[in-house]
Amino acid sequence: LSKIGNNQYAQTEDIAVGDMLLECTGMLSDHLAEKDLRLEMGEPGKVVVNCNRMLLETLVYNLLTNAVRHTAHGGVVRVQLEGGELSVSNSGTGSLESENLFGRFATLGSETSGSGLGLAIVKEVCMRYGWHLGYAFKEGCHQFRVEF
């Protein structure tokens, strides 16, 4: 977080977000199989952003990892990229406390491990590039959205 705040990731390039999604979901295939989770992901739209590659990968990986970590065995993780928006959704039993959700060391539940920094890093990356980050609980699903 401090490295992002201190502009230590200054190098940027044009990156296809869909390609980054495919790379990150591939890295999670073992975790998805271990929990018998189904990944629903349509053909990603053609969204290109100018940013630091490592920061975009961290943002995408953190959102996906949280979805996998907090989805019950046999559940579904949905990923959608279209119209300049990335949406990562997973089933859940109730809304999360959105007031502290993106704060440092915030935890999403006592039954899972984690440092509580993943969503804080996602927020910091979004703030750095002027992207909008949102959370909603709709129809039994947690939905995190990043508007590029």
N, C-alpha and C. Protein backbone atom coordinates (compact mmCIF):
# COMPACT_ATOMS: atom_id res chain seq x y z
N LEU A 1 0.82 -1.19 0.00
CA LEU A 1 0.00 0.00 0.00
C LEU A 1 0.86 1.25 0.00
N SER A 2 1.92 1.25 0.80
CA SER A 2 2.76 2.44 0.84
C SER A 2 3.52 2.61 -0.47
N LYS A 3 3.91 1.53 -1.11
CA LYS A 3 4.59 1.64 -2.40
C LYS A 3 3.68 2.25 -3.45
N ILE A 4 2.41 1.88 -3.43
CA ILE A 4 1.45 2.46 -4.37
C ILE A 4 1.30 3.94 -4.07
N GLY A 5 1.13 4.27 -2.79
CA GLY A 5 0.98 5.66 -2.39
C GLY A 5 2.19 6.52 -2.70
N ASN A 6 3.37 5.92 -2.69
CA ASN A 6 4.61 6.65 -2.97
C ASN A 6 5.00 6.61 -4.44
N ASN A 7 4.06 6.20 -5.30
CA ASN A 7 4.26 6.21 -6.75
C ASN A 7 5.46 5.35 -7.19
N GLN A 8 5.65 4.22 -6.55
CA GLN A 8 6.76 3.33 -6.91
C GLN A 8 6.41 2.39 -8.06
N TYR A 9 5.21 2.53 -8.59
CA TYR A 9 4.79 1.73 -9.75
C TYR A 9 4.44 2.70 -10.88
N ALA A 10 5.38 3.54 -11.23
CA ALA A 10 5.12 4.63 -12.18
C ALA A 10 5.04 4.15 -13.63
N GLN A 11 5.72 3.08 -13.98
CA GLN A 11 5.74 2.61 -15.37
C GLN A 11 4.36 2.12 -15.78
N THR A 12 3.86 2.62 -16.89
CA THR A 12 2.54 2.21 -17.37
C THR A 12 2.63 1.72 -18.81
N GLU A 13 1.61 0.99 -19.20
CA GLU A 13 1.48 0.49 -20.57
C GLU A 13 0.01 0.20 -20.84
N ASP A 14 -0.35 0.07 -22.10
CA ASP A 14 -1.71 -0.31 -22.46
C ASP A 14 -1.86 -1.82 -22.24
N ILE A 15 -2.89 -2.20 -21.48
CA ILE A 15 -3.09 -3.60 -21.13
C ILE A 15 -4.53 -3.99 -21.42
N ALA A 16 -4.71 -5.13 -22.08
CA ALA A 16 -6.05 -5.68 -22.32
C ALA A 16 -6.51 -6.37 -21.04
N VAL A 17 -7.55 -5.84 -20.43
CA VAL A 17 -8.04 -6.36 -19.15
C VAL A 17 -8.53 -7.80 -19.31
N GLY A 18 -9.13 -8.12 -20.45
CA GLY A 18 -9.60 -9.49 -20.69
C GLY A 18 -8.48 -10.50 -20.66
N ASP A 19 -7.34 -10.15 -21.23
CA ASP A 19 -6.18 -11.05 -21.19
C ASP A 19 -5.70 -11.25 -19.75
N MET A 20 -5.71 -10.17 -18.98
CA MET A 20 -5.30 -10.25 -17.57
C MET A 20 -6.27 -11.15 -16.80
N LEU A 21 -7.56 -11.04 -17.10
CA LEU A 21 -8.55 -11.90 -16.44
C LEU A 21 -8.28 -13.37 -16.72
N LEU A 22 -7.98 -13.68 -17.97
CA LEU A 22 -7.71 -15.07 -18.34
C LEU A 22 -6.48 -15.60 -17.61
N GLU A 23 -5.44 -14.78 -17.50
CA GLU A 23 -4.23 -15.19 -16.78
C GLU A 23 -4.55 -15.46 -15.31
N CYS A 24 -5.27 -14.56 -14.68
CA CYS A 24 -5.55 -14.68 -13.25
C CYS A 24 -6.51 -15.83 -12.94
N THR A 25 -7.52 -16.03 -13.77
CA THR A 25 -8.43 -17.16 -13.52
C THR A 25 -7.69 -18.48 -13.72
N GLY A 26 -6.75 -18.51 -14.64
CA GLY A 26 -5.94 -19.71 -14.83
C GLY A 26 -5.12 -20.04 -13.59
N MET A 27 -4.60 -18.99 -12.91
CA MET A 27 -3.82 -19.21 -11.70
C MET A 27 -4.67 -19.75 -10.55
N LEU A 28 -5.99 -19.56 -10.63
CA LEU A 28 -6.88 -19.99 -9.55
C LEU A 28 -7.58 -21.31 -9.82
N SER A 29 -7.26 -21.96 -10.91
CA SER A 29 -7.98 -23.18 -11.29
C SER A 29 -7.93 -24.26 -10.22
N ASP A 30 -6.80 -24.44 -9.55
CA ASP A 30 -6.69 -25.45 -8.50
C ASP A 30 -7.60 -25.10 -7.31
N HIS A 31 -7.65 -23.82 -6.96
CA HIS A 31 -8.49 -23.40 -5.83
C HIS A 31 -9.98 -23.58 -6.16
N LEU A 32 -10.34 -23.29 -7.40
CA LEU A 32 -11.73 -23.49 -7.83
C LEU A 32 -12.09 -24.97 -7.74
N ALA A 33 -11.21 -25.83 -8.22
CA ALA A 33 -11.47 -27.27 -8.19
C ALA A 33 -11.52 -27.80 -6.77
N GLU A 34 -10.65 -27.29 -5.91
CA GLU A 34 -10.59 -27.75 -4.52
C GLU A 34 -11.91 -27.50 -3.78
N LYS A 35 -12.57 -26.39 -4.11
CA LYS A 35 -13.84 -26.06 -3.46
C LYS A 35 -15.04 -26.44 -4.33
N ASP A 36 -14.78 -27.11 -5.45
CA ASP A 36 -15.83 -27.50 -6.38
C ASP A 36 -16.68 -26.29 -6.80
N LEU A 37 -15.98 -25.20 -7.12
CA LEU A 37 -16.65 -23.97 -7.55
C LEU A 37 -16.74 -23.93 -9.06
N ARG A 38 -17.84 -23.38 -9.54
CA ARG A 38 -18.03 -23.19 -10.98
C ARG A 38 -17.71 -21.74 -11.31
N LEU A 39 -16.85 -21.54 -12.29
CA LEU A 39 -16.51 -20.20 -12.75
C LEU A 39 -17.33 -19.90 -13.99
N GLU A 40 -18.14 -18.86 -13.91
CA GLU A 40 -18.93 -18.42 -15.07
C GLU A 40 -18.32 -17.13 -15.58
N MET A 41 -17.79 -17.22 -16.79
CA MET A 41 -17.16 -16.05 -17.38
C MET A 41 -17.43 -16.06 -18.88
N GLY A 42 -18.14 -15.07 -19.34
CA GLY A 42 -18.39 -14.95 -20.76
C GLY A 42 -17.16 -14.45 -21.48
N GLU A 43 -17.28 -14.29 -22.75
CA GLU A 43 -16.19 -13.73 -23.55
C GLU A 43 -15.96 -12.29 -23.08
N PRO A 44 -14.75 -12.00 -22.56
CA PRO A 44 -14.53 -10.65 -22.05
C PRO A 44 -14.55 -9.60 -23.16
N GLY A 45 -15.13 -8.46 -22.84
CA GLY A 45 -15.15 -7.35 -23.78
C GLY A 45 -13.75 -6.82 -24.01
N LYS A 46 -13.61 -6.02 -25.02
CA LYS A 46 -12.30 -5.46 -25.38
C LYS A 46 -12.10 -4.16 -24.61
N VAL A 47 -11.56 -4.29 -23.41
CA VAL A 47 -11.28 -3.14 -22.56
C VAL A 47 -9.76 -3.04 -22.41
N VAL A 48 -9.22 -1.89 -22.77
CA VAL A 48 -7.78 -1.64 -22.64
C VAL A 48 -7.60 -0.45 -21.71
N VAL A 49 -6.71 -0.62 -20.73
CA VAL A 49 -6.41 0.46 -19.80
C VAL A 49 -4.92 0.76 -19.82
N ASN A 50 -4.56 1.98 -19.51
CA ASN A 50 -3.16 2.36 -19.40
C ASN A 50 -2.83 2.44 -17.92
N CYS A 51 -2.02 1.50 -17.45
CA CYS A 51 -1.68 1.43 -16.04
C CYS A 51 -0.43 0.58 -15.87
N ASN A 52 -0.05 0.38 -14.63
CA ASN A 52 1.07 -0.50 -14.32
C ASN A 52 0.57 -1.94 -14.34
N ARG A 53 1.26 -2.80 -15.06
CA ARG A 53 0.84 -4.20 -15.20
C ARG A 53 0.71 -4.90 -13.85
N MET A 54 1.68 -4.71 -12.97
CA MET A 54 1.66 -5.40 -11.68
C MET A 54 0.47 -4.93 -10.84
N LEU A 55 0.13 -3.65 -10.90
CA LEU A 55 -1.00 -3.16 -10.12
C LEU A 55 -2.32 -3.70 -10.65
N LEU A 56 -2.47 -3.77 -11.98
CA LEU A 56 -3.70 -4.34 -12.54
C LEU A 56 -3.82 -5.82 -12.18
N GLU A 57 -2.72 -6.55 -12.29
CA GLU A 57 -2.75 -7.97 -11.93
C GLU A 57 -3.12 -8.15 -10.46
N THR A 58 -2.58 -7.32 -9.60
CA THR A 58 -2.89 -7.40 -8.17
C THR A 58 -4.36 -7.11 -7.92
N LEU A 59 -4.90 -6.10 -8.57
CA LEU A 59 -6.31 -5.75 -8.43
C LEU A 59 -7.20 -6.92 -8.85
N VAL A 60 -6.97 -7.44 -10.03
CA VAL A 60 -7.79 -8.54 -10.56
C VAL A 60 -7.64 -9.79 -9.69
N TYR A 61 -6.42 -10.14 -9.35
CA TYR A 61 -6.18 -11.34 -8.55
C TYR A 61 -6.81 -11.22 -7.16
N ASN A 62 -6.72 -10.05 -6.54
CA ASN A 62 -7.32 -9.87 -5.22
C ASN A 62 -8.84 -10.01 -5.27
N LEU A 63 -9.48 -9.42 -6.27
CA LEU A 63 -10.93 -9.56 -6.40
C LEU A 63 -11.33 -11.02 -6.61
N LEU A 64 -10.62 -11.71 -7.48
CA LEU A 64 -10.93 -13.11 -7.75
C LEU A 64 -10.66 -14.00 -6.53
N THR A 65 -9.55 -13.77 -5.86
CA THR A 65 -9.19 -14.57 -4.69
C THR A 65 -10.23 -14.40 -3.58
N ASN A 66 -10.68 -13.17 -3.36
CA ASN A 66 -11.72 -12.94 -2.35
C ASN A 66 -12.99 -13.69 -2.71
N ALA A 67 -13.37 -13.64 -3.97
CA ALA A 67 -14.58 -14.34 -4.40
C ALA A 67 -14.46 -15.84 -4.15
N VAL A 68 -13.33 -16.42 -4.49
CA VAL A 68 -13.12 -17.85 -4.28
C VAL A 68 -13.09 -18.17 -2.79
N ARG A 69 -12.37 -17.38 -2.02
CA ARG A 69 -12.22 -17.63 -0.59
C ARG A 69 -13.56 -17.57 0.14
N HIS A 70 -14.44 -16.67 -0.30
CA HIS A 70 -15.68 -16.44 0.43
C HIS A 70 -16.92 -17.05 -0.23
N THR A 71 -16.71 -18.01 -1.11
CA THR A 71 -17.82 -18.74 -1.72
C THR A 71 -17.86 -20.14 -1.11
N ALA A 72 -19.03 -20.55 -0.70
CA ALA A 72 -19.20 -21.87 -0.09
C ALA A 72 -18.90 -22.97 -1.11
N HIS A 73 -18.48 -24.10 -0.60
CA HIS A 73 -18.19 -25.28 -1.43
C HIS A 73 -19.36 -25.53 -2.39
N GLY A 74 -19.05 -25.73 -3.67
CA GLY A 74 -20.06 -26.02 -4.68
C GLY A 74 -20.74 -24.79 -5.24
N GLY A 75 -20.27 -23.60 -4.87
CA GLY A 75 -20.90 -22.36 -5.32
C GLY A 75 -20.42 -21.90 -6.69
N VAL A 76 -20.79 -20.66 -7.01
CA VAL A 76 -20.49 -20.09 -8.32
C VAL A 76 -19.78 -18.75 -8.14
N VAL A 77 -18.76 -18.54 -8.95
CA VAL A 77 -18.09 -17.24 -9.07
C VAL A 77 -18.34 -16.76 -10.49
N ARG A 78 -18.87 -15.52 -10.61
CA ARG A 78 -19.17 -14.95 -11.93
C ARG A 78 -18.26 -13.77 -12.20
N VAL A 79 -17.71 -13.75 -13.40
CA VAL A 79 -16.82 -12.67 -13.81
C VAL A 79 -17.33 -12.13 -15.13
N GLN A 80 -17.47 -10.82 -15.19
CA GLN A 80 -17.97 -10.19 -16.42
C GLN A 80 -17.15 -8.93 -16.69
N LEU A 81 -16.78 -8.77 -17.95
CA LEU A 81 -16.05 -7.58 -18.39
C LEU A 81 -16.71 -7.08 -19.65
N GLU A 82 -17.38 -5.93 -19.53
CA GLU A 82 -17.97 -5.32 -20.70
C GLU A 82 -18.29 -3.86 -20.43
N GLY A 83 -18.28 -3.09 -21.48
CA GLY A 83 -18.62 -1.69 -21.35
C GLY A 83 -17.71 -0.91 -20.42
N GLY A 84 -16.46 -1.30 -20.32
CA GLY A 84 -15.54 -0.59 -19.45
C GLY A 84 -15.70 -0.90 -17.97
N GLU A 85 -16.40 -2.00 -17.65
CA GLU A 85 -16.63 -2.36 -16.26
C GLU A 85 -16.29 -3.83 -16.03
N LEU A 86 -15.57 -4.08 -14.94
CA LEU A 86 -15.27 -5.43 -14.49
C LEU A 86 -16.15 -5.72 -13.28
N SER A 87 -16.84 -6.85 -13.32
CA SER A 87 -17.69 -7.27 -12.22
C SER A 87 -17.28 -8.68 -11.78
N VAL A 88 -17.05 -8.84 -10.48
CA VAL A 88 -16.74 -10.14 -9.90
C VAL A 88 -17.78 -10.40 -8.82
N SER A 89 -18.56 -11.47 -8.99
CA SER A 89 -19.65 -11.79 -8.07
C SER A 89 -19.50 -13.19 -7.52
N ASN A 90 -20.00 -13.37 -6.31
CA ASN A 90 -20.04 -14.69 -5.71
C ASN A 90 -21.22 -14.78 -4.76
N SER A 91 -21.73 -15.99 -4.58
CA SER A 91 -22.90 -16.18 -3.73
C SER A 91 -22.54 -15.90 -2.27
N GLY A 92 -23.55 -15.47 -1.53
CA GLY A 92 -23.35 -15.16 -0.12
C GLY A 92 -24.68 -15.17 0.61
N THR A 93 -24.61 -15.01 1.92
CA THR A 93 -25.83 -15.09 2.73
C THR A 93 -26.34 -13.73 3.18
N GLY A 94 -25.55 -12.70 3.07
CA GLY A 94 -25.99 -11.37 3.47
C GLY A 94 -24.97 -10.32 3.10
N SER A 95 -25.41 -9.09 3.10
CA SER A 95 -24.56 -7.97 2.72
C SER A 95 -23.40 -7.80 3.69
N LEU A 96 -22.27 -7.36 3.16
CA LEU A 96 -21.11 -7.06 3.98
C LEU A 96 -21.20 -5.63 4.48
N GLU A 97 -20.53 -5.32 5.56
CA GLU A 97 -20.52 -3.97 6.11
C GLU A 97 -19.68 -3.08 5.19
N SER A 98 -20.34 -2.34 4.33
CA SER A 98 -19.62 -1.59 3.30
C SER A 98 -18.83 -0.41 3.84
N GLU A 99 -19.13 0.04 5.06
CA GLU A 99 -18.42 1.19 5.63
C GLU A 99 -16.93 0.92 5.78
N ASN A 100 -16.56 -0.26 6.25
CA ASN A 100 -15.15 -0.60 6.48
C ASN A 100 -14.61 -1.61 5.48
N LEU A 101 -15.38 -1.96 4.51
CA LEU A 101 -15.06 -3.04 3.59
C LEU A 101 -13.71 -2.87 2.90
N PHE A 102 -13.38 -1.65 2.50
CA PHE A 102 -12.15 -1.41 1.75
C PHE A 102 -11.03 -0.84 2.63
N GLY A 103 -11.21 -0.91 3.94
CA GLY A 103 -10.20 -0.40 4.87
C GLY A 103 -9.10 -1.41 5.11
N ARG A 104 -7.97 -0.92 5.58
CA ARG A 104 -6.84 -1.81 5.91
C ARG A 104 -7.23 -2.74 7.05
N PHE A 105 -6.85 -3.98 6.92
CA PHE A 105 -7.04 -5.02 7.93
C PHE A 105 -8.51 -5.36 8.19
N ALA A 106 -9.39 -4.95 7.28
CA ALA A 106 -10.80 -5.35 7.39
C ALA A 106 -10.90 -6.81 6.99
N THR A 107 -11.70 -7.58 7.72
CA THR A 107 -11.90 -8.98 7.37
C THR A 107 -13.35 -9.18 6.99
N LEU A 108 -13.57 -10.11 6.07
CA LEU A 108 -14.91 -10.35 5.57
C LEU A 108 -15.65 -11.41 6.36
N GLY A 109 -14.94 -12.14 7.19
CA GLY A 109 -15.60 -13.16 7.99
C GLY A 109 -14.59 -13.88 8.87
N SER A 110 -15.05 -14.41 9.98
CA SER A 110 -14.14 -15.07 10.91
C SER A 110 -13.78 -16.49 10.48
N GLU A 111 -14.52 -17.03 9.53
CA GLU A 111 -14.29 -18.43 9.15
C GLU A 111 -13.20 -18.60 8.09
N THR A 112 -12.64 -17.50 7.58
CA THR A 112 -11.61 -17.61 6.57
C THR A 112 -10.39 -16.80 6.97
N SER A 113 -9.25 -17.21 6.43
CA SER A 113 -8.02 -16.50 6.74
C SER A 113 -7.80 -15.40 5.71
N GLY A 114 -6.96 -14.48 6.06
CA GLY A 114 -6.61 -13.39 5.17
C GLY A 114 -6.09 -12.23 5.99
N SER A 115 -5.28 -11.40 5.36
CA SER A 115 -4.65 -10.29 6.07
C SER A 115 -5.57 -9.09 6.22
N GLY A 116 -6.62 -9.03 5.41
CA GLY A 116 -7.48 -7.85 5.43
C GLY A 116 -6.92 -6.70 4.62
N LEU A 117 -5.96 -6.99 3.75
CA LEU A 117 -5.35 -5.93 2.94
C LEU A 117 -5.76 -5.98 1.47
N GLY A 118 -6.31 -7.09 1.02
CA GLY A 118 -6.62 -7.27 -0.40
C GLY A 118 -7.53 -6.19 -0.96
N LEU A 119 -8.66 -5.93 -0.31
CA LEU A 119 -9.59 -4.92 -0.83
C LEU A 119 -9.06 -3.51 -0.62
N ALA A 120 -8.24 -3.30 0.41
CA ALA A 120 -7.61 -1.99 0.60
C ALA A 120 -6.65 -1.71 -0.55
N ILE A 121 -5.94 -2.72 -1.00
CA ILE A 121 -5.04 -2.56 -2.14
C ILE A 121 -5.85 -2.30 -3.41
N VAL A 122 -6.95 -3.02 -3.59
CA VAL A 122 -7.82 -2.79 -4.75
C VAL A 122 -8.29 -1.33 -4.75
N LYS A 123 -8.71 -0.85 -3.60
CA LYS A 123 -9.17 0.54 -3.49
C LYS A 123 -8.06 1.52 -3.84
N GLU A 124 -6.87 1.28 -3.33
CA GLU A 124 -5.73 2.18 -3.58
C GLU A 124 -5.38 2.22 -5.07
N VAL A 125 -5.39 1.07 -5.73
CA VAL A 125 -5.11 1.03 -7.17
C VAL A 125 -6.18 1.82 -7.93
N CYS A 126 -7.43 1.61 -7.57
CA CYS A 126 -8.52 2.35 -8.23
C CYS A 126 -8.38 3.85 -8.03
N MET A 127 -8.05 4.26 -6.82
CA MET A 127 -7.87 5.70 -6.55
C MET A 127 -6.72 6.27 -7.37
N ARG A 128 -5.65 5.50 -7.51
CA ARG A 128 -4.47 5.97 -8.26
C ARG A 128 -4.82 6.30 -9.70
N TYR A 129 -5.69 5.49 -10.32
CA TYR A 129 -6.01 5.68 -11.74
C TYR A 129 -7.37 6.35 -11.98
N GLY A 130 -8.04 6.72 -10.92
CA GLY A 130 -9.33 7.38 -11.07
C GLY A 130 -10.45 6.44 -11.49
N TRP A 131 -10.30 5.14 -11.18
CA TRP A 131 -11.33 4.16 -11.48
C TRP A 131 -12.33 4.14 -10.32
N HIS A 132 -13.57 3.82 -10.62
CA HIS A 132 -14.60 3.75 -9.59
C HIS A 132 -14.73 2.31 -9.09
N LEU A 133 -14.71 2.14 -7.77
CA LEU A 133 -14.84 0.83 -7.14
C LEU A 133 -16.14 0.80 -6.36
N GLY A 134 -16.92 -0.25 -6.53
CA GLY A 134 -18.18 -0.34 -5.82
C GLY A 134 -18.47 -1.75 -5.35
N TYR A 135 -19.35 -1.83 -4.36
CA TYR A 135 -19.81 -3.11 -3.82
C TYR A 135 -21.32 -3.05 -3.66
N ALA A 136 -21.98 -4.15 -3.97
CA ALA A 136 -23.42 -4.28 -3.73
C ALA A 136 -23.71 -5.75 -3.42
N PHE A 137 -24.81 -5.96 -2.70
CA PHE A 137 -25.30 -7.32 -2.45
C PHE A 137 -26.66 -7.39 -3.12
N LYS A 138 -26.75 -8.19 -4.20
CA LYS A 138 -27.98 -8.30 -4.98
C LYS A 138 -28.30 -9.76 -5.24
N GLU A 139 -29.56 -10.11 -5.03
CA GLU A 139 -30.07 -11.44 -5.36
C GLU A 139 -29.17 -12.56 -4.83
N GLY A 140 -28.74 -12.42 -3.58
CA GLY A 140 -27.93 -13.45 -2.94
C GLY A 140 -26.49 -13.49 -3.37
N CYS A 141 -26.00 -12.42 -4.00
CA CYS A 141 -24.61 -12.40 -4.47
C CYS A 141 -23.90 -11.11 -4.06
N HIS A 142 -22.65 -11.27 -3.66
CA HIS A 142 -21.77 -10.12 -3.45
C HIS A 142 -21.25 -9.72 -4.82
N GLN A 143 -21.26 -8.44 -5.12
CA GLN A 143 -20.77 -7.99 -6.42
C GLN A 143 -19.81 -6.83 -6.22
N PHE A 144 -18.59 -7.04 -6.68
CA PHE A 144 -17.58 -5.98 -6.68
C PHE A 144 -17.41 -5.52 -8.12
N ARG A 145 -17.43 -4.19 -8.31
CA ARG A 145 -17.33 -3.63 -9.65
C ARG A 145 -16.22 -2.61 -9.72
N VAL A 146 -15.50 -2.65 -10.82
CA VAL A 146 -14.50 -1.61 -11.11
C VAL A 146 -14.87 -1.02 -12.46
N GLU A 147 -15.13 0.29 -12.45
CA GLU A 147 -15.40 1.00 -13.70
C GLU A 147 -14.11 1.70 -14.11
N PHE A 148 -13.59 1.30 -15.27
CA PHE A 148 -12.32 1.87 -15.75
C PHE A 148 -12.58 3.19 -16.45
